[in-house]
């Protein structure tokens, strides 16, 4: 379905999760600049206060609430506070909050795996569920979930992150069909590479793995960290994604999915067109995984959480 533009489509109020940095911050500020009532979420009161100050410094007004996506009670309280600020509940939700996880599938700890799935999938969909009753009661509403091109392009050293975003994308498509009859529209946004603190966190993950366990192939992790650093330097800022999210909120009949960025468009097209053996070969060479290991690896395993 092609989108249809309409100024009447603007939601009066929008709840933006993960609004303290990157795409979430750019989106919250842009929506506030365009006259929307914005409630941004932050993981701590200090970050919430900093978000409000950042907006004020730009002559903008927005509210901030504390929300930890890993905590169901925190999510309920934050959505409840947003309902108080918006006279019943926000007209739209931008479910943007997410965290990275870098490292080989068998190297990262179960604690980190649970965290990335809880934040990127379970917690995000929990917030969607919490804002839905008010939207259904009004007979209108819009939910935009921010996934990633990595949901469709998996690569070495980011398998768990891709898995979490793939799960979010799949759930978003299901949710869209399930709640359309209530007048609530659901849109998926898949950004490509964006210069945000995400990449710093990913490199910290790799550094921690390299220093924590002698079984880890430090050369491969160093190669991945170098790749991530070059990607970050070449990437553009989050503003194009913020503008796409704003468009998805504004138009009367939005697309079901927006892919943002030339790299995302080309990458997903090539991923679909290329045979897996060729895709595997190219990615393996990029991450220096195309030659046999010097020594026999330890038995494949996911590292157990201490005490589990």
Protein backbone atom coordinates (compact mmCIF):
# COMPACT_ATOMS: atom_id res chain seq x y z
CA UNK A 1 0.00 0.00 0.00
CA UNK A 2 1.37 3.41 -0.96
CA UNK A 3 1.33 6.06 1.72
CA UNK A 4 -1.11 8.95 1.50
CA UNK A 5 -0.17 12.26 3.05
CA UNK A 6 -2.55 14.23 5.22
CA UNK A 7 -1.89 16.96 7.74
CA UNK A 8 -4.80 15.59 9.75
CA UNK A 9 -2.76 12.46 10.39
CA UNK A 10 -0.46 14.09 12.93
CA UNK A 11 -0.87 12.58 16.41
CA UNK A 12 -1.17 15.21 19.11
CA UNK A 13 0.98 13.27 21.59
CA UNK A 14 3.79 10.76 21.14
CA UNK A 15 5.61 8.50 23.59
CA UNK A 16 9.20 7.92 22.42
CA UNK A 17 11.19 5.18 24.14
CA UNK A 18 14.96 5.43 24.37
CA UNK A 19 14.82 9.18 23.85
CA UNK A 20 18.11 10.16 25.50
CA UNK A 21 20.48 9.48 22.60
CA UNK A 22 20.77 8.51 18.96
CA UNK A 23 17.62 7.96 16.92
CA UNK A 24 15.32 8.38 19.92
CA UNK A 25 16.74 11.77 20.87
CA UNK A 26 16.67 13.04 17.28
CA UNK A 27 13.06 11.85 16.93
CA UNK A 28 11.88 13.37 20.21
CA UNK A 29 13.42 16.76 19.40
CA UNK A 30 12.07 16.75 15.84
CA UNK A 31 8.53 15.93 16.96
CA UNK A 32 8.67 18.59 19.68
CA UNK A 33 9.92 21.09 17.10
CA UNK A 34 6.90 20.24 14.96
CA UNK A 35 4.50 20.99 17.77
CA UNK A 36 3.76 17.51 19.10
CA UNK A 37 3.39 16.76 22.79
CA UNK A 38 6.38 14.48 23.35
CA UNK A 39 7.05 12.21 26.31
CA UNK A 40 10.49 10.66 26.11
CA UNK A 41 11.64 7.73 28.21
CA UNK A 42 14.99 7.41 29.96
CA UNK A 43 16.51 4.65 32.06
CA UNK A 44 17.31 6.95 35.00
CA UNK A 45 16.09 10.20 36.49
CA UNK A 46 19.42 11.86 35.73
CA UNK A 47 19.06 11.00 32.05
CA UNK A 48 15.42 12.11 32.07
CA UNK A 49 16.44 15.48 33.51
CA UNK A 50 19.22 15.81 30.94
CA UNK A 51 16.73 15.14 28.13
CA UNK A 52 14.44 17.91 29.34
CA UNK A 53 17.41 20.31 29.58
CA UNK A 54 18.58 19.41 26.07
CA UNK A 55 15.15 20.25 24.70
CA UNK A 56 14.96 23.47 26.72
CA UNK A 57 18.34 24.58 25.39
CA UNK A 58 16.85 24.36 21.89
CA UNK A 59 13.74 26.29 22.85
CA UNK A 60 11.61 23.15 22.94
CA UNK A 61 9.31 21.64 25.55
CA UNK A 62 8.94 17.95 26.21
CA UNK A 63 8.34 15.67 29.17
CA UNK A 64 10.47 12.76 30.29
CA UNK A 65 9.61 9.67 32.32
CA UNK A 66 11.84 6.95 33.72
CA UNK A 67 11.39 3.53 32.14
CA UNK A 68 13.47 0.37 32.30
CA UNK A 69 12.28 -2.01 29.59
CA UNK A 70 13.60 -4.96 31.56
CA UNK A 71 11.22 -4.22 34.44
CA UNK A 72 7.47 -4.77 33.91
CA UNK A 73 6.60 -2.57 36.90
CA UNK A 74 8.73 0.28 35.57
CA UNK A 75 7.06 -0.03 32.16
CA UNK A 76 3.56 0.09 33.66
CA UNK A 77 4.42 3.09 35.82
CA UNK A 78 5.98 4.98 32.92
CA UNK A 79 3.01 4.37 30.61
CA UNK A 80 0.70 5.36 33.45
CA UNK A 81 2.57 8.62 33.89
CA UNK A 82 2.42 9.21 30.13
CA UNK A 83 -1.35 8.67 30.30
CA UNK A 84 -1.60 11.35 32.99
CA UNK A 85 0.38 13.77 30.86
CA UNK A 86 -1.71 13.15 27.75
CA UNK A 87 -5.22 12.95 29.18
CA UNK A 88 -5.68 9.22 28.81
CA UNK A 89 -2.72 7.96 26.85
CA UNK A 90 -0.48 9.00 23.94
CA UNK A 91 -1.90 9.05 20.42
CA UNK A 92 1.25 7.36 19.12
CA UNK A 93 4.17 5.29 20.31
CA UNK A 94 7.66 5.28 18.82
CA UNK A 95 9.17 2.08 20.22
CA UNK A 96 12.80 2.92 19.60
CA UNK A 97 14.74 1.80 22.70
CA UNK A 98 17.22 -0.97 22.10
CA UNK A 99 20.70 -2.15 22.95
CA UNK A 100 23.48 -3.82 20.93
CA UNK A 101 25.25 -7.08 21.63
CA UNK A 102 28.49 -7.88 19.81
CA UNK A 103 30.39 -11.15 19.92
CA UNK A 104 30.32 -14.64 18.50
CA UNK A 105 27.19 -16.68 19.18
CA UNK A 106 29.03 -19.02 21.56
CA UNK A 107 31.09 -16.36 23.33
CA UNK A 108 28.56 -14.06 24.94
CA UNK A 109 27.06 -14.80 28.34
CA UNK A 110 23.50 -15.95 28.88
CA UNK A 111 22.92 -12.87 31.03
CA UNK A 112 23.71 -10.60 28.06
CA UNK A 113 21.60 -12.73 25.72
CA UNK A 114 18.62 -12.45 28.04
CA UNK A 115 19.18 -8.72 28.42
CA UNK A 116 19.22 -7.99 24.68
CA UNK A 117 16.11 -10.13 24.12
CA UNK A 118 14.31 -8.57 27.08
CA UNK A 119 15.03 -5.01 25.98
CA UNK A 120 14.82 -5.33 22.19
CA UNK A 121 11.89 -7.74 22.01
CA UNK A 122 9.95 -8.50 25.18
CA UNK A 123 10.14 -5.06 26.79
CA UNK A 124 9.44 -3.25 23.54
CA UNK A 125 6.33 -5.35 22.85
CA UNK A 126 5.30 -4.97 26.48
CA UNK A 127 5.12 -1.19 26.01
CA UNK A 128 3.13 -1.69 22.81
CA UNK A 129 0.64 -3.77 24.78
CA UNK A 130 0.41 -1.16 27.53
CA UNK A 131 -0.48 1.73 25.22
CA UNK A 132 -2.97 -0.27 23.16
CA UNK A 133 -6.05 -0.24 25.46
CA UNK A 134 -6.39 3.55 25.26
CA UNK A 135 -5.85 3.50 21.50
CA UNK A 136 -8.46 0.81 21.02
CA UNK A 137 -10.91 2.74 23.17
CA UNK A 138 -10.41 5.84 20.99
CA UNK A 139 -10.56 3.79 17.81
CA UNK A 140 -7.30 5.22 16.52
CA UNK A 141 -3.59 5.25 17.22
CA UNK A 142 -0.23 4.56 15.68
CA UNK A 143 2.72 2.46 16.75
CA UNK A 144 6.13 2.74 15.07
CA UNK A 145 8.69 0.11 16.03
CA UNK A 146 12.33 0.76 15.21
CA UNK A 147 14.07 -2.42 14.17
CA UNK A 148 17.22 -2.57 12.02
CA UNK A 149 18.43 -3.68 8.62
CA UNK A 150 20.40 -6.21 10.68
CA UNK A 151 17.08 -8.02 11.13
CA UNK A 152 17.40 -9.13 7.52
CA UNK A 153 21.20 -9.07 7.14
CA UNK A 154 22.92 -11.24 9.72
CA UNK A 155 26.70 -11.11 9.97
CA UNK A 156 29.44 -12.58 12.14
CA UNK A 157 29.85 -11.09 15.62
CA UNK A 158 26.33 -9.67 15.74
CA UNK A 159 24.15 -12.77 15.59
CA UNK A 160 22.29 -12.22 18.84
CA UNK A 161 21.55 -8.60 18.00
CA UNK A 162 20.27 -9.60 14.56
CA UNK A 163 18.18 -12.32 16.18
CA UNK A 164 16.56 -9.82 18.54
CA UNK A 165 15.76 -7.37 15.74
CA UNK A 166 14.50 -10.17 13.48
CA UNK A 167 12.16 -11.22 16.27
CA UNK A 168 10.97 -7.64 16.74
CA UNK A 169 10.31 -7.25 13.00
CA UNK A 170 8.37 -10.51 12.85
CA UNK A 171 6.29 -9.59 15.89
CA UNK A 172 5.60 -6.14 14.45
CA UNK A 173 4.19 -7.64 11.27
CA UNK A 174 1.92 -9.91 13.32
CA UNK A 175 0.83 -7.07 15.60
CA UNK A 176 -0.05 -4.91 12.61
CA UNK A 177 -2.50 -7.51 11.32
CA UNK A 178 -3.92 -8.29 14.75
CA UNK A 179 -4.89 -4.76 15.78
CA UNK A 180 -5.68 -3.08 12.47
CA UNK A 181 -9.41 -3.70 13.00
CA UNK A 182 -9.28 -1.48 16.11
CA UNK A 183 -8.14 1.50 14.06
CA UNK A 184 -4.53 1.25 15.25
CA UNK A 185 -1.84 1.34 12.58
CA UNK A 186 1.53 -0.34 13.09
CA UNK A 187 4.63 0.63 11.12
CA UNK A 188 8.09 -0.94 11.03
CA UNK A 189 11.19 1.23 10.47
CA UNK A 190 14.45 -0.51 9.54
CA UNK A 191 17.43 1.87 9.62
CA UNK A 192 20.77 1.02 8.14
CA UNK A 193 24.02 2.15 9.72
CA UNK A 194 23.67 5.25 11.88
CA UNK A 195 26.40 7.00 13.87
CA UNK A 196 25.14 6.62 17.45
CA UNK A 197 26.56 5.44 20.81
CA UNK A 198 25.43 1.95 19.70
CA UNK A 199 28.80 1.36 18.04
CA UNK A 200 30.79 2.38 21.10
CA UNK A 201 28.82 -0.12 23.18
CA UNK A 202 29.41 -2.85 20.57
CA UNK A 203 33.16 -2.26 20.67
CA UNK A 204 33.07 -2.38 24.47
CA UNK A 205 31.39 -5.79 24.20
CA UNK A 206 34.18 -7.07 21.97
CA UNK A 207 36.89 -5.65 24.21
CA UNK A 208 35.34 -7.28 27.28
CA UNK A 209 35.18 -10.66 25.55
CA UNK A 210 38.80 -10.47 24.41
CA UNK A 211 40.13 -9.73 27.90
CA UNK A 212 37.79 -12.05 29.81
CA UNK A 213 38.57 -15.46 28.33
CA UNK A 214 41.69 -16.98 26.77
CA UNK A 215 39.50 -19.13 24.48
CA UNK A 216 38.30 -16.04 22.65
CA UNK A 217 39.97 -15.42 19.28
CA UNK A 218 41.34 -11.95 19.95
CA UNK A 219 42.38 -11.50 16.32
CA UNK A 220 38.82 -11.96 15.08
CA UNK A 221 37.46 -9.62 17.74
CA UNK A 222 40.10 -7.01 16.89
CA UNK A 223 39.14 -7.30 13.25
CA UNK A 224 35.45 -6.86 14.11
CA UNK A 225 36.19 -3.87 16.36
CA UNK A 226 38.17 -2.24 13.55
CA UNK A 227 35.31 -2.84 11.12
CA UNK A 228 32.78 -1.39 13.55
CA UNK A 229 34.98 1.67 14.06
CA UNK A 230 35.24 2.30 10.31
CA UNK A 231 31.49 1.83 9.88
CA UNK A 232 30.81 4.33 12.66
CA UNK A 233 33.11 6.94 11.11
CA UNK A 234 31.48 6.54 7.69
CA UNK A 235 27.89 6.56 8.94
CA UNK A 236 25.61 9.54 8.92
CA UNK A 237 23.67 10.89 11.86
CA UNK A 238 20.22 9.80 13.03
CA UNK A 239 18.28 12.72 11.51
CA UNK A 240 17.17 10.88 8.32
CA UNK A 241 15.71 8.12 10.46
CA UNK A 242 13.96 10.67 12.69
CA UNK A 243 12.45 12.31 9.61
CA UNK A 244 11.23 8.94 8.36
CA UNK A 245 9.61 8.20 11.72
CA UNK A 246 7.93 11.61 11.65
CA UNK A 247 6.65 10.87 8.16
CA UNK A 248 5.31 7.49 9.28
CA UNK A 249 3.40 9.29 12.02
CA UNK A 250 2.14 12.10 9.80
CA UNK A 251 0.80 10.38 6.68
CA UNK A 252 -2.77 9.13 6.67
CA UNK A 253 -1.90 5.72 5.23
CA UNK A 254 1.72 4.90 6.03
CA UNK A 255 3.74 2.14 4.45
CA UNK A 256 3.94 -1.05 6.43
CA UNK A 257 7.74 -0.90 6.42
CA UNK A 258 10.24 1.91 5.84
CA UNK A 259 13.84 0.98 5.09
CA UNK A 260 16.17 3.92 5.73
CA UNK A 261 19.60 4.45 4.22
CA UNK A 262 21.33 3.46 1.00
CA UNK A 263 23.31 0.74 2.77
CA UNK A 264 20.10 -0.77 4.14
CA UNK A 265 18.41 -0.76 0.72
CA UNK A 266 21.43 -2.23 -1.07
CA UNK A 267 22.26 -4.67 1.71
CA UNK A 268 18.78 -6.17 1.95
CA UNK A 269 18.50 -6.41 -1.84
CA UNK A 270 21.86 -8.16 -2.15
CA UNK A 271 21.07 -10.45 0.77
CA UNK A 272 17.93 -11.63 -1.03
CA UNK A 273 19.59 -11.89 -4.46
CA UNK A 274 22.92 -13.52 -3.59
CA UNK A 275 23.19 -17.25 -2.88
CA UNK A 276 24.06 -18.03 0.72
CA UNK A 277 27.49 -19.47 -0.15
CA UNK A 278 28.48 -16.17 -1.75
CA UNK A 279 27.03 -14.08 1.06
CA UNK A 280 28.81 -16.24 3.66
CA UNK A 281 32.09 -15.98 1.77
CA UNK A 282 32.02 -12.18 1.54
CA UNK A 283 31.07 -11.70 5.19
CA UNK A 284 33.63 -14.26 6.36
CA UNK A 285 36.42 -12.44 4.52
CA UNK A 286 35.34 -9.12 6.01
CA UNK A 287 35.67 -10.57 9.51
CA UNK A 288 38.84 -12.62 8.77
CA UNK A 289 36.96 -15.90 9.23
CA UNK A 290 37.71 -17.36 5.79
CA UNK A 291 40.83 -19.34 6.78
CA UNK A 292 41.07 -22.33 9.14
CA UNK A 293 41.76 -21.53 12.78
CA UNK A 294 45.34 -22.02 13.97
CA UNK A 295 44.26 -24.38 16.73
CA UNK A 296 41.26 -26.59 17.29
CA UNK A 297 38.50 -24.53 18.93
CA UNK A 298 36.98 -25.39 22.26
CA UNK A 299 33.64 -27.23 22.03
CA UNK A 300 30.96 -24.84 20.84
CA UNK A 301 28.87 -23.51 23.70
CA UNK A 302 27.02 -20.53 24.96
CA UNK A 303 28.83 -19.32 28.04
CA UNK A 304 26.82 -20.04 31.14
CA UNK A 305 25.93 -17.40 33.66
CA UNK A 306 27.83 -17.92 36.89
CA UNK A 307 25.70 -19.83 39.33
CA UNK A 308 23.29 -21.05 36.64
